[in-house]
Amino acid sequence: MAKPNYQFEKRQRDLAKKAKQDEKRRLKLAGKPGDGADDDAALSPADGETSDSSGATLSKV
């Protein structure tokens, strides 16, 4: 019968834990309230312009 490889199991647990922490940190940084306001202004069309279904901005003539 084969011996359990405890070092491998611990390493896998540690890697999963680190990945989960990194994901939580990334989501926390992405969800900052101050950063979201600037992105919305950059994505909306300027006054007098409309956007088509493909997302391209068209100027009214």
N, C-alpha and C. Protein backbone atom coordinates (compact mmCIF):
# COMPACT_ATOMS: atom_id res chain seq x y z
N MET A 1 0.84 -1.18 0.00
CA MET A 1 0.00 0.00 0.00
C MET A 1 0.89 1.25 0.00
N ALA A 2 0.48 2.26 -0.76
CA ALA A 2 1.28 3.47 -0.90
C ALA A 2 1.09 4.37 0.32
N LYS A 3 2.18 5.08 0.66
CA LYS A 3 2.13 6.04 1.77
C LYS A 3 1.43 7.32 1.31
N PRO A 4 0.65 7.95 2.18
CA PRO A 4 0.07 9.25 1.83
C PRO A 4 1.17 10.31 1.72
N ASN A 5 1.05 11.16 0.74
CA ASN A 5 2.03 12.22 0.54
C ASN A 5 1.48 13.49 1.19
N TYR A 6 1.75 13.66 2.47
CA TYR A 6 1.19 14.78 3.22
C TYR A 6 1.75 16.12 2.75
N GLN A 7 2.98 16.15 2.31
CA GLN A 7 3.57 17.41 1.83
C GLN A 7 2.83 17.90 0.59
N PHE A 8 2.51 16.99 -0.31
CA PHE A 8 1.79 17.36 -1.52
C PHE A 8 0.40 17.90 -1.17
N GLU A 9 -0.30 17.20 -0.26
CA GLU A 9 -1.64 17.63 0.14
C GLU A 9 -1.60 19.01 0.79
N LYS A 10 -0.60 19.25 1.65
CA LYS A 10 -0.48 20.55 2.30
C LYS A 10 -0.19 21.63 1.27
N ARG A 11 0.67 21.33 0.33
CA ARG A 11 1.00 22.30 -0.72
C ARG A 11 -0.24 22.67 -1.54
N GLN A 12 -1.06 21.68 -1.86
CA GLN A 12 -2.29 21.93 -2.62
C GLN A 12 -3.26 22.79 -1.81
N ARG A 13 -3.39 22.52 -0.51
CA ARG A 13 -4.25 23.33 0.34
C ARG A 13 -3.75 24.76 0.41
N ASP A 14 -2.43 24.92 0.56
CA ASP A 14 -1.85 26.26 0.64
C ASP A 14 -2.05 27.04 -0.67
N LEU A 15 -1.89 26.36 -1.80
CA LEU A 15 -2.08 27.02 -3.08
C LEU A 15 -3.54 27.45 -3.27
N ALA A 16 -4.48 26.60 -2.86
CA ALA A 16 -5.90 26.93 -2.97
C ALA A 16 -6.23 28.11 -2.06
N LYS A 17 -5.66 28.12 -0.87
CA LYS A 17 -5.89 29.21 0.08
C LYS A 17 -5.35 30.52 -0.48
N LYS A 18 -4.14 30.49 -1.05
CA LYS A 18 -3.53 31.68 -1.62
C LYS A 18 -4.34 32.19 -2.82
N ALA A 19 -4.82 31.29 -3.65
CA ALA A 19 -5.62 31.70 -4.80
C ALA A 19 -6.91 32.36 -4.35
N LYS A 20 -7.53 31.82 -3.31
CA LYS A 20 -8.76 32.39 -2.80
C LYS A 20 -8.51 33.78 -2.22
N GLN A 21 -7.41 33.95 -1.50
CA GLN A 21 -7.07 35.26 -0.94
C GLN A 21 -6.78 36.27 -2.04
N ASP A 22 -6.07 35.85 -3.08
CA ASP A 22 -5.77 36.74 -4.20
C ASP A 22 -7.06 37.18 -4.91
N GLU A 23 -8.00 36.24 -5.08
CA GLU A 23 -9.26 36.56 -5.73
C GLU A 23 -10.06 37.55 -4.89
N LYS A 24 -10.09 37.36 -3.58
CA LYS A 24 -10.80 38.29 -2.70
C LYS A 24 -10.15 39.68 -2.75
N ARG A 25 -8.81 39.72 -2.75
CA ARG A 25 -8.10 40.99 -2.81
C ARG A 25 -8.37 41.70 -4.13
N ARG A 26 -8.38 40.94 -5.22
CA ARG A 26 -8.64 41.52 -6.54
C ARG A 26 -10.06 42.09 -6.61
N LEU A 27 -11.04 41.36 -6.08
CA LEU A 27 -12.41 41.84 -6.09
C LEU A 27 -12.57 43.08 -5.21
N LYS A 28 -11.87 43.10 -4.10
CA LYS A 28 -11.94 44.24 -3.20
C LYS A 28 -11.37 45.49 -3.88
N LEU A 29 -10.24 45.34 -4.57
CA LEU A 29 -9.64 46.47 -5.27
C LEU A 29 -10.51 46.93 -6.44
N ALA A 30 -11.15 46.00 -7.12
CA ALA A 30 -11.99 46.34 -8.26
C ALA A 30 -13.27 47.04 -7.82
N GLY A 31 -13.70 46.80 -6.60
CA GLY A 31 -14.96 47.35 -6.14
C GLY A 31 -14.83 48.63 -5.34
N LYS A 32 -13.71 49.32 -5.43
CA LYS A 32 -13.55 50.58 -4.70
C LYS A 32 -14.57 51.60 -5.20
N PRO A 33 -15.26 52.29 -4.30
CA PRO A 33 -16.30 53.23 -4.72
C PRO A 33 -15.77 54.45 -5.47
N GLY A 34 -14.58 54.93 -5.18
CA GLY A 34 -14.04 56.11 -5.84
C GLY A 34 -13.63 55.86 -7.27
N ASP A 35 -13.23 54.65 -7.61
CA ASP A 35 -12.74 54.35 -8.95
C ASP A 35 -13.87 54.16 -9.96
N GLY A 36 -15.03 53.71 -9.53
CA GLY A 36 -16.12 53.40 -10.45
C GLY A 36 -16.72 54.62 -11.11
N ALA A 37 -16.73 55.77 -10.45
CA ALA A 37 -17.36 56.97 -10.99
C ALA A 37 -16.62 57.46 -12.24
N ASP A 38 -15.32 57.38 -12.27
CA ASP A 38 -14.54 57.83 -13.41
C ASP A 38 -14.77 56.95 -14.63
N ASP A 39 -14.93 55.64 -14.42
CA ASP A 39 -15.13 54.72 -15.53
C ASP A 39 -16.47 54.96 -16.21
N ASP A 40 -17.52 55.26 -15.43
CA ASP A 40 -18.83 55.49 -16.02
C ASP A 40 -18.82 56.71 -16.91
N ALA A 41 -18.13 57.76 -16.53
CA ALA A 41 -18.08 58.97 -17.34
C ALA A 41 -17.32 58.72 -18.64
N ALA A 42 -16.31 57.89 -18.61
CA ALA A 42 -15.51 57.62 -19.80
C ALA A 42 -16.29 56.74 -20.79
N LEU A 43 -17.20 55.89 -20.31
CA LEU A 43 -17.91 54.98 -21.18
C LEU A 43 -19.16 55.60 -21.80
N SER A 44 -19.73 56.63 -21.19
CA SER A 44 -20.96 57.21 -21.72
C SER A 44 -20.64 58.14 -22.90
N PRO A 45 -21.54 58.19 -23.88
CA PRO A 45 -21.30 59.07 -25.03
C PRO A 45 -21.41 60.53 -24.63
N ALA A 46 -20.71 61.39 -25.35
CA ALA A 46 -20.73 62.83 -25.09
C ALA A 46 -22.07 63.40 -25.52
N ASP A 47 -22.38 64.63 -25.10
CA ASP A 47 -23.62 65.28 -25.48
C ASP A 47 -23.71 65.40 -26.99
N GLY A 48 -24.87 65.08 -27.54
CA GLY A 48 -25.07 65.20 -28.98
C GLY A 48 -24.59 63.98 -29.75
N GLU A 49 -24.15 62.95 -29.08
CA GLU A 49 -23.69 61.75 -29.76
C GLU A 49 -24.52 60.56 -29.32
N THR A 50 -24.66 59.59 -30.19
CA THR A 50 -25.37 58.36 -29.85
C THR A 50 -24.45 57.20 -30.17
N SER A 51 -24.79 56.06 -29.62
CA SER A 51 -23.98 54.88 -29.93
C SER A 51 -24.87 53.83 -30.59
N ASP A 52 -24.31 53.08 -31.53
CA ASP A 52 -25.08 52.02 -32.19
C ASP A 52 -24.94 50.75 -31.38
N SER A 53 -25.53 49.65 -31.85
CA SER A 53 -25.54 48.39 -31.12
C SER A 53 -24.14 47.78 -30.97
N SER A 54 -23.20 48.13 -31.84
CA SER A 54 -21.86 47.58 -31.73
C SER A 54 -21.00 48.31 -30.72
N GLY A 55 -21.52 49.41 -30.16
CA GLY A 55 -20.78 50.16 -29.17
C GLY A 55 -19.99 51.31 -29.74
N ALA A 56 -19.98 51.47 -31.07
CA ALA A 56 -19.26 52.57 -31.69
C ALA A 56 -20.04 53.86 -31.49
N THR A 57 -19.34 54.96 -31.27
CA THR A 57 -19.99 56.25 -31.05
C THR A 57 -20.16 56.96 -32.39
N LEU A 58 -21.38 57.42 -32.63
CA LEU A 58 -21.69 58.11 -33.87
C LEU A 58 -22.04 59.56 -33.55
N SER A 59 -21.54 60.50 -34.34
CA SER A 59 -21.86 61.91 -34.15
C SER A 59 -23.12 62.25 -34.93
N LYS A 60 -23.98 63.08 -34.32
CA LYS A 60 -25.15 63.56 -35.05
C LYS A 60 -24.71 64.65 -36.01
N VAL A 61 -25.23 64.60 -37.22
CA VAL A 61 -24.86 65.58 -38.22
C VAL A 61 -26.00 66.51 -38.49
